[in-house]
Amino acid sequence: MKEGNMSQKRKIVVIGSNSFSGSDFIDLLLNDKRNEVVGISRSPEKSALFLPYKRRQGTNFEFYQMDLNKDMSQIIKLLYSFEPAYVVNFAAQSEVAPSWEHPEQWFQTNVVALAKLTNALKDRNYLKRYVHISSPEVYGTCEGSV
């Protein structure tokens, strides 16, 4: 995430901020004081034991509890208002076994909501990069060595 002016603030949104990987990524981003980070997750923030960025004092971080399936218009409004240069999406339903019981829920979150989000962002001039992070679990369970 290099930019020309080293003192310029970088606005970054992390969706799925309460996930293990998302929260660790935010903690890494907050090492650089130039980064202004917004985290979005459907679940409320957990304790600092599970969210390493919460152990920091006076950070450039704001959290919003929003669900991609229920609060998409508010998420889009927040993104349009904040105008991030980067959006990193860790949000997804990834457990394979439950997806067999309720495939429509996985489809709604991982396909429909994602399509709405990316469609809303596709023509934003301020957005330099959208990064989608996926779990290896989407490939299912394997037997033997990989």
N, C-alpha and C. Protein backbone atom coordinates (compact mmCIF):
# COMPACT_ATOMS: atom_id res chain seq x y z
N MET A 1 0.82 -1.18 0.00
CA MET A 1 0.00 0.00 0.00
C MET A 1 0.87 1.25 0.00
N LYS A 2 1.74 1.34 -0.96
CA LYS A 2 2.62 2.50 -1.05
C LYS A 2 1.90 3.62 -1.75
N GLU A 3 2.15 4.82 -1.27
CA GLU A 3 1.59 6.00 -1.91
C GLU A 3 2.67 7.06 -1.99
N GLY A 4 2.51 8.01 -2.88
CA GLY A 4 3.51 9.04 -3.11
C GLY A 4 3.87 9.87 -1.89
N ASN A 5 2.92 10.50 -1.25
CA ASN A 5 3.17 11.38 -0.12
C ASN A 5 3.22 10.55 1.16
N MET A 6 4.38 10.47 1.79
CA MET A 6 4.56 9.62 2.97
C MET A 6 3.81 10.13 4.19
N SER A 7 3.41 11.40 4.22
CA SER A 7 2.67 11.92 5.37
C SER A 7 1.16 11.87 5.15
N GLN A 8 0.73 11.50 3.98
CA GLN A 8 -0.69 11.46 3.64
C GLN A 8 -1.39 10.32 4.37
N LYS A 9 -2.59 10.60 4.87
CA LYS A 9 -3.39 9.56 5.53
C LYS A 9 -3.89 8.57 4.49
N ARG A 10 -3.94 7.29 4.90
CA ARG A 10 -4.50 6.24 4.04
C ARG A 10 -5.75 5.73 4.71
N LYS A 11 -6.86 5.81 4.00
CA LYS A 11 -8.13 5.34 4.53
C LYS A 11 -8.37 3.91 4.06
N ILE A 12 -8.61 3.04 5.06
CA ILE A 12 -8.76 1.61 4.78
C ILE A 12 -9.99 1.09 5.51
N VAL A 13 -10.82 0.33 4.83
CA VAL A 13 -11.96 -0.33 5.46
C VAL A 13 -11.69 -1.83 5.46
N VAL A 14 -11.90 -2.45 6.63
CA VAL A 14 -11.75 -3.89 6.76
C VAL A 14 -13.12 -4.46 7.12
N ILE A 15 -13.68 -5.25 6.22
CA ILE A 15 -14.97 -5.90 6.46
C ILE A 15 -14.67 -7.31 6.99
N GLY A 16 -15.38 -7.69 8.05
CA GLY A 16 -15.04 -8.93 8.74
C GLY A 16 -13.96 -8.67 9.77
N SER A 17 -14.02 -7.50 10.37
CA SER A 17 -12.96 -7.05 11.28
C SER A 17 -12.85 -7.85 12.57
N ASN A 18 -13.90 -8.57 12.94
CA ASN A 18 -13.85 -9.38 14.17
C ASN A 18 -13.31 -10.78 13.93
N SER A 19 -13.05 -11.13 12.70
CA SER A 19 -12.50 -12.45 12.42
C SER A 19 -11.05 -12.51 12.90
N PHE A 20 -10.55 -13.72 13.07
CA PHE A 20 -9.16 -13.89 13.51
C PHE A 20 -8.21 -13.16 12.57
N SER A 21 -8.35 -13.41 11.28
CA SER A 21 -7.44 -12.79 10.30
C SER A 21 -7.70 -11.30 10.15
N GLY A 22 -8.98 -10.91 10.14
CA GLY A 22 -9.32 -9.50 10.00
C GLY A 22 -8.79 -8.66 11.14
N SER A 23 -8.95 -9.14 12.37
CA SER A 23 -8.48 -8.36 13.53
C SER A 23 -6.96 -8.28 13.56
N ASP A 24 -6.29 -9.34 13.17
CA ASP A 24 -4.82 -9.32 13.13
C ASP A 24 -4.34 -8.37 12.03
N PHE A 25 -5.04 -8.34 10.90
CA PHE A 25 -4.70 -7.43 9.81
C PHE A 25 -4.85 -5.98 10.26
N ILE A 26 -5.93 -5.68 10.99
CA ILE A 26 -6.14 -4.32 11.50
C ILE A 26 -4.99 -3.94 12.43
N ASP A 27 -4.61 -4.86 13.32
CA ASP A 27 -3.51 -4.58 14.23
C ASP A 27 -2.24 -4.24 13.45
N LEU A 28 -1.99 -4.97 12.39
CA LEU A 28 -0.83 -4.70 11.53
C LEU A 28 -0.95 -3.32 10.88
N LEU A 29 -2.13 -2.98 10.37
CA LEU A 29 -2.34 -1.67 9.74
C LEU A 29 -2.10 -0.53 10.72
N LEU A 30 -2.47 -0.73 11.98
CA LEU A 30 -2.35 0.33 12.97
C LEU A 30 -0.91 0.56 13.42
N ASN A 31 0.02 -0.26 12.96
CA ASN A 31 1.44 0.01 13.21
C ASN A 31 1.88 1.29 12.50
N ASP A 32 1.18 1.63 11.43
CA ASP A 32 1.49 2.83 10.66
C ASP A 32 0.47 3.91 11.02
N LYS A 33 0.93 4.98 11.65
CA LYS A 33 0.04 6.05 12.14
C LYS A 33 -0.69 6.77 11.01
N ARG A 34 -0.23 6.60 9.78
CA ARG A 34 -0.91 7.25 8.65
C ARG A 34 -2.22 6.57 8.29
N ASN A 35 -2.40 5.34 8.74
CA ASN A 35 -3.59 4.58 8.37
C ASN A 35 -4.78 4.94 9.24
N GLU A 36 -5.86 5.34 8.61
CA GLU A 36 -7.16 5.52 9.27
C GLU A 36 -7.97 4.29 8.89
N VAL A 37 -8.37 3.51 9.89
CA VAL A 37 -9.00 2.22 9.62
C VAL A 37 -10.41 2.19 10.18
N VAL A 38 -11.33 1.71 9.35
CA VAL A 38 -12.71 1.46 9.77
C VAL A 38 -12.92 -0.05 9.69
N GLY A 39 -13.44 -0.62 10.77
CA GLY A 39 -13.75 -2.05 10.80
C GLY A 39 -15.25 -2.26 10.80
N ILE A 40 -15.71 -3.21 10.02
CA ILE A 40 -17.13 -3.55 9.95
C ILE A 40 -17.25 -5.05 10.19
N SER A 41 -18.15 -5.43 11.10
CA SER A 41 -18.40 -6.84 11.36
C SER A 41 -19.83 -7.01 11.83
N ARG A 42 -20.43 -8.16 11.54
CA ARG A 42 -21.83 -8.38 11.96
C ARG A 42 -21.94 -8.65 13.45
N SER A 43 -20.89 -9.14 14.07
CA SER A 43 -20.93 -9.43 15.51
C SER A 43 -20.36 -8.25 16.29
N PRO A 44 -20.78 -8.10 17.55
CA PRO A 44 -20.20 -7.03 18.38
C PRO A 44 -18.72 -7.29 18.61
N GLU A 45 -17.99 -6.24 18.93
CA GLU A 45 -16.56 -6.40 19.21
C GLU A 45 -16.35 -7.29 20.42
N LYS A 46 -15.38 -8.16 20.32
CA LYS A 46 -15.01 -9.05 21.41
C LYS A 46 -13.99 -8.33 22.30
N SER A 47 -13.51 -9.04 23.32
CA SER A 47 -12.52 -8.45 24.23
C SER A 47 -11.16 -8.36 23.54
N ALA A 48 -10.27 -7.62 24.17
CA ALA A 48 -8.91 -7.45 23.64
C ALA A 48 -8.16 -8.77 23.55
N LEU A 49 -8.59 -9.76 24.30
CA LEU A 49 -7.97 -11.09 24.22
C LEU A 49 -8.09 -11.65 22.80
N PHE A 50 -9.22 -11.36 22.13
CA PHE A 50 -9.47 -11.87 20.79
C PHE A 50 -9.22 -10.85 19.69
N LEU A 51 -9.14 -9.59 20.05
CA LEU A 51 -8.95 -8.52 19.07
C LEU A 51 -7.69 -7.74 19.43
N PRO A 52 -6.55 -8.10 18.86
CA PRO A 52 -5.28 -7.49 19.27
C PRO A 52 -5.24 -5.97 19.13
N TYR A 53 -5.95 -5.41 18.16
CA TYR A 53 -5.92 -3.96 17.97
C TYR A 53 -6.54 -3.21 19.16
N LYS A 54 -7.38 -3.87 19.95
CA LYS A 54 -8.01 -3.20 21.09
C LYS A 54 -7.02 -2.94 22.23
N ARG A 55 -5.85 -3.52 22.18
CA ARG A 55 -4.83 -3.30 23.21
C ARG A 55 -4.09 -1.99 22.98
N ARG A 56 -4.30 -1.37 21.86
CA ARG A 56 -3.61 -0.12 21.52
C ARG A 56 -4.35 1.08 22.11
N GLN A 57 -3.60 2.10 22.45
CA GLN A 57 -4.18 3.35 22.96
C GLN A 57 -4.21 4.38 21.84
N GLY A 58 -5.29 5.15 21.78
CA GLY A 58 -5.37 6.27 20.84
C GLY A 58 -5.14 5.90 19.39
N THR A 59 -5.81 4.89 18.91
CA THR A 59 -5.59 4.45 17.53
C THR A 59 -6.50 5.19 16.56
N ASN A 60 -6.17 5.06 15.30
CA ASN A 60 -6.98 5.61 14.22
C ASN A 60 -7.94 4.54 13.73
N PHE A 61 -8.77 4.03 14.64
CA PHE A 61 -9.67 2.93 14.30
C PHE A 61 -11.07 3.22 14.81
N GLU A 62 -12.06 2.93 13.96
CA GLU A 62 -13.47 3.01 14.35
C GLU A 62 -14.14 1.71 13.95
N PHE A 63 -15.01 1.22 14.85
CA PHE A 63 -15.73 -0.02 14.59
C PHE A 63 -17.21 0.25 14.37
N TYR A 64 -17.80 -0.49 13.41
CA TYR A 64 -19.23 -0.42 13.13
C TYR A 64 -19.77 -1.84 13.08
N GLN A 65 -20.79 -2.10 13.89
CA GLN A 65 -21.44 -3.41 13.85
C GLN A 65 -22.53 -3.36 12.79
N MET A 66 -22.27 -4.00 11.66
CA MET A 66 -23.20 -4.03 10.53
C MET A 66 -23.10 -5.39 9.86
N ASP A 67 -24.21 -5.84 9.34
CA ASP A 67 -24.32 -7.15 8.69
C ASP A 67 -24.48 -6.94 7.18
N LEU A 68 -23.65 -7.59 6.38
CA LEU A 68 -23.74 -7.45 4.92
C LEU A 68 -25.13 -7.79 4.39
N ASN A 69 -25.83 -8.71 5.04
CA ASN A 69 -27.15 -9.12 4.57
C ASN A 69 -28.28 -8.21 5.03
N LYS A 70 -28.10 -7.56 6.16
CA LYS A 70 -29.18 -6.75 6.73
C LYS A 70 -28.93 -5.25 6.64
N ASP A 71 -27.69 -4.84 6.56
CA ASP A 71 -27.34 -3.42 6.66
C ASP A 71 -26.58 -2.90 5.45
N MET A 72 -26.78 -3.50 4.29
CA MET A 72 -25.99 -3.13 3.11
C MET A 72 -26.11 -1.65 2.78
N SER A 73 -27.30 -1.08 2.86
CA SER A 73 -27.44 0.34 2.51
C SER A 73 -26.64 1.22 3.47
N GLN A 74 -26.60 0.86 4.75
CA GLN A 74 -25.81 1.63 5.71
C GLN A 74 -24.31 1.44 5.48
N ILE A 75 -23.92 0.23 5.11
CA ILE A 75 -22.50 -0.03 4.81
C ILE A 75 -22.08 0.80 3.61
N ILE A 76 -22.90 0.81 2.57
CA ILE A 76 -22.57 1.58 1.37
C ILE A 76 -22.52 3.07 1.69
N LYS A 77 -23.45 3.54 2.49
CA LYS A 77 -23.45 4.94 2.90
C LYS A 77 -22.16 5.29 3.65
N LEU A 78 -21.74 4.41 4.55
CA LEU A 78 -20.50 4.61 5.30
C LEU A 78 -19.29 4.64 4.35
N LEU A 79 -19.25 3.71 3.41
CA LEU A 79 -18.14 3.67 2.45
C LEU A 79 -18.11 4.93 1.59
N TYR A 80 -19.25 5.38 1.13
CA TYR A 80 -19.31 6.59 0.31
C TYR A 80 -18.88 7.81 1.12
N SER A 81 -19.22 7.84 2.39
CA SER A 81 -18.87 8.97 3.25
C SER A 81 -17.38 8.95 3.62
N PHE A 82 -16.85 7.80 3.98
CA PHE A 82 -15.46 7.67 4.41
C PHE A 82 -14.48 7.74 3.24
N GLU A 83 -14.89 7.29 2.07
CA GLU A 83 -14.09 7.28 0.85
C GLU A 83 -12.74 6.59 1.03
N PRO A 84 -12.75 5.30 1.33
CA PRO A 84 -11.49 4.59 1.54
C PRO A 84 -10.72 4.38 0.23
N ALA A 85 -9.41 4.40 0.34
CA ALA A 85 -8.56 4.06 -0.80
C ALA A 85 -8.51 2.55 -0.98
N TYR A 86 -8.71 1.82 0.14
CA TYR A 86 -8.63 0.37 0.12
C TYR A 86 -9.78 -0.24 0.91
N VAL A 87 -10.38 -1.29 0.36
CA VAL A 87 -11.37 -2.09 1.08
C VAL A 87 -10.85 -3.52 1.05
N VAL A 88 -10.71 -4.10 2.25
CA VAL A 88 -10.25 -5.48 2.37
C VAL A 88 -11.37 -6.27 3.02
N ASN A 89 -11.87 -7.28 2.32
CA ASN A 89 -13.03 -8.03 2.78
C ASN A 89 -12.65 -9.43 3.27
N PHE A 90 -12.76 -9.61 4.59
CA PHE A 90 -12.56 -10.92 5.20
C PHE A 90 -13.90 -11.60 5.49
N ALA A 91 -15.01 -10.90 5.28
CA ALA A 91 -16.33 -11.40 5.67
C ALA A 91 -16.81 -12.49 4.72
N ALA A 92 -17.23 -13.59 5.30
CA ALA A 92 -17.81 -14.70 4.53
C ALA A 92 -18.28 -15.77 5.50
N GLN A 93 -19.16 -16.60 5.01
CA GLN A 93 -19.52 -17.80 5.76
C GLN A 93 -18.70 -18.91 5.12
N SER A 94 -17.91 -19.60 5.95
CA SER A 94 -16.96 -20.53 5.35
C SER A 94 -17.07 -21.98 5.81
N GLU A 95 -17.78 -22.26 6.86
CA GLU A 95 -17.84 -23.64 7.34
C GLU A 95 -18.61 -24.50 6.33
N VAL A 96 -17.96 -25.54 5.86
CA VAL A 96 -18.53 -26.35 4.78
C VAL A 96 -19.73 -27.17 5.24
N ALA A 97 -19.61 -27.90 6.34
CA ALA A 97 -20.69 -28.80 6.78
C ALA A 97 -22.02 -28.06 6.97
N PRO A 98 -22.08 -26.93 7.70
CA PRO A 98 -23.37 -26.24 7.85
C PRO A 98 -23.90 -25.69 6.53
N SER A 99 -23.01 -25.43 5.57
CA SER A 99 -23.47 -24.90 4.28
C SER A 99 -24.32 -25.93 3.54
N TRP A 100 -24.13 -27.20 3.83
CA TRP A 100 -24.95 -28.23 3.20
C TRP A 100 -26.36 -28.22 3.75
N GLU A 101 -26.52 -27.83 5.00
CA GLU A 101 -27.85 -27.80 5.62
C GLU A 101 -28.63 -26.55 5.24
N HIS A 102 -27.94 -25.43 5.06
CA HIS A 102 -28.60 -24.15 4.73
C HIS A 102 -27.84 -23.45 3.60
N PRO A 103 -27.80 -24.04 2.43
CA PRO A 103 -26.99 -23.45 1.35
C PRO A 103 -27.45 -22.05 0.95
N GLU A 104 -28.73 -21.76 1.11
CA GLU A 104 -29.23 -20.43 0.73
C GLU A 104 -28.62 -19.33 1.59
N GLN A 105 -28.31 -19.61 2.86
CA GLN A 105 -27.68 -18.61 3.72
C GLN A 105 -26.25 -18.32 3.24
N TRP A 106 -25.52 -19.35 2.88
CA TRP A 106 -24.16 -19.17 2.38
C TRP A 106 -24.18 -18.42 1.05
N PHE A 107 -25.12 -18.78 0.18
CA PHE A 107 -25.24 -18.11 -1.11
C PHE A 107 -25.57 -16.63 -0.91
N GLN A 108 -26.48 -16.34 0.00
CA GLN A 108 -26.86 -14.95 0.27
C GLN A 108 -25.66 -14.12 0.72
N THR A 109 -24.89 -14.65 1.65
CA THR A 109 -23.74 -13.90 2.18
C THR A 109 -22.58 -13.87 1.20
N ASN A 110 -22.21 -15.02 0.68
CA ASN A 110 -20.98 -15.13 -0.11
C ASN A 110 -21.12 -14.75 -1.57
N VAL A 111 -22.35 -14.67 -2.07
CA VAL A 111 -22.55 -14.33 -3.47
C VAL A 111 -23.39 -13.07 -3.62
N VAL A 112 -24.62 -13.09 -3.13
CA VAL A 112 -25.54 -11.96 -3.34
C VAL A 112 -25.02 -10.70 -2.65
N ALA A 113 -24.70 -10.78 -1.37
CA ALA A 113 -24.22 -9.60 -0.64
C ALA A 113 -22.91 -9.09 -1.24
N LEU A 114 -22.03 -10.00 -1.60
CA LEU A 114 -20.75 -9.61 -2.20
C LEU A 114 -20.96 -8.92 -3.54
N ALA A 115 -21.90 -9.42 -4.34
CA ALA A 115 -22.21 -8.79 -5.63
C ALA A 115 -22.74 -7.37 -5.42
N LYS A 116 -23.60 -7.19 -4.43
CA LYS A 116 -24.12 -5.84 -4.14
C LYS A 116 -22.99 -4.90 -3.71
N LEU A 117 -22.12 -5.41 -2.85
CA LEU A 117 -21.01 -4.59 -2.35
C LEU A 117 -20.07 -4.18 -3.48
N THR A 118 -19.63 -5.13 -4.27
CA THR A 118 -18.68 -4.81 -5.34
C THR A 118 -19.32 -3.94 -6.42
N ASN A 119 -20.60 -4.13 -6.68
CA ASN A 119 -21.30 -3.28 -7.64
C ASN A 119 -21.35 -1.84 -7.14
N ALA A 120 -21.56 -1.65 -5.84
CA ALA A 120 -21.62 -0.30 -5.27
C ALA A 120 -20.25 0.38 -5.31
N LEU A 121 -19.19 -0.39 -5.30
CA LEU A 121 -17.83 0.17 -5.26
C LEU A 121 -17.17 0.32 -6.62
N LYS A 122 -17.70 -0.31 -7.64
CA LYS A 122 -16.99 -0.43 -8.92
C LYS A 122 -16.63 0.89 -9.59
N ASP A 123 -17.40 1.94 -9.40
CA ASP A 123 -17.13 3.21 -10.08
C ASP A 123 -16.65 4.31 -9.14
N ARG A 124 -16.21 3.94 -7.96
CA ARG A 124 -15.74 4.93 -6.99
C ARG A 124 -14.31 5.35 -7.33
N ASN A 125 -14.12 6.62 -7.66
CA ASN A 125 -12.80 7.11 -8.05
C ASN A 125 -11.78 7.08 -6.92
N TYR A 126 -12.23 7.19 -5.69
CA TYR A 126 -11.31 7.19 -4.55
C TYR A 126 -10.77 5.80 -4.23
N LEU A 127 -11.44 4.76 -4.68
CA LEU A 127 -11.04 3.39 -4.35
C LEU A 127 -9.89 2.94 -5.26
N LYS A 128 -8.74 2.68 -4.65
CA LYS A 128 -7.58 2.22 -5.41
C LYS A 128 -7.59 0.70 -5.57
N ARG A 129 -8.06 0.01 -4.52
CA ARG A 129 -8.01 -1.44 -4.57
C ARG A 129 -9.06 -2.05 -3.65
N TYR A 130 -9.72 -3.10 -4.15
CA TYR A 130 -10.62 -3.94 -3.36
C TYR A 130 -9.95 -5.31 -3.30
N VAL A 131 -9.77 -5.83 -2.09
CA VAL A 131 -9.12 -7.13 -1.91
C VAL A 131 -10.09 -8.05 -1.19
N HIS A 132 -10.34 -9.21 -1.78
CA HIS A 132 -11.22 -10.20 -1.16
C HIS A 132 -10.36 -11.34 -0.63
N ILE A 133 -10.47 -11.60 0.67
CA ILE A 133 -9.72 -12.67 1.32
C ILE A 133 -10.67 -13.84 1.51
N SER A 134 -10.21 -15.03 1.19
CA SER A 134 -11.05 -16.21 1.33
C SER A 134 -10.38 -17.23 2.23
N SER A 135 -11.18 -18.10 2.77
CA SER A 135 -10.70 -19.17 3.63
C SER A 135 -10.37 -20.40 2.78
N PRO A 136 -9.33 -21.15 3.14
CA PRO A 136 -9.08 -22.38 2.41
C PRO A 136 -10.19 -23.39 2.62
N GLU A 137 -11.03 -23.15 3.63
CA GLU A 137 -12.10 -24.09 3.93
C GLU A 137 -13.14 -24.15 2.81
N VAL A 138 -13.19 -23.16 1.96
CA VAL A 138 -14.16 -23.20 0.87
C VAL A 138 -13.91 -24.38 -0.06
N TYR A 139 -12.72 -24.95 -0.01
CA TYR A 139 -12.40 -26.10 -0.85
C TYR A 139 -12.78 -27.42 -0.20
N GLY A 140 -13.25 -27.37 1.04
CA GLY A 140 -13.69 -28.59 1.72
C GLY A 140 -12.55 -29.30 2.43
N THR A 141 -12.87 -30.43 2.98
CA THR A 141 -11.92 -31.24 3.73
C THR A 141 -11.19 -32.17 2.78
N CYS A 142 -9.92 -32.37 3.04
CA CYS A 142 -9.17 -33.30 2.20
C CYS A 142 -8.62 -34.43 3.06
N GLU A 143 -8.26 -35.49 2.42
CA GLU A 143 -7.65 -36.62 3.11
C GLU A 143 -6.19 -36.70 2.71
N GLY A 144 -5.34 -37.02 3.65
CA GLY A 144 -3.92 -37.16 3.36
C GLY A 144 -3.20 -35.84 3.33
N SER A 145 -1.96 -35.86 2.84
CA SER A 145 -1.13 -34.65 2.79
C SER A 145 -1.58 -33.74 1.67
N VAL A 146 -1.33 -32.48 1.90
CA VAL A 146 -1.63 -31.49 0.86
C VAL A 146 -0.32 -30.95 0.35
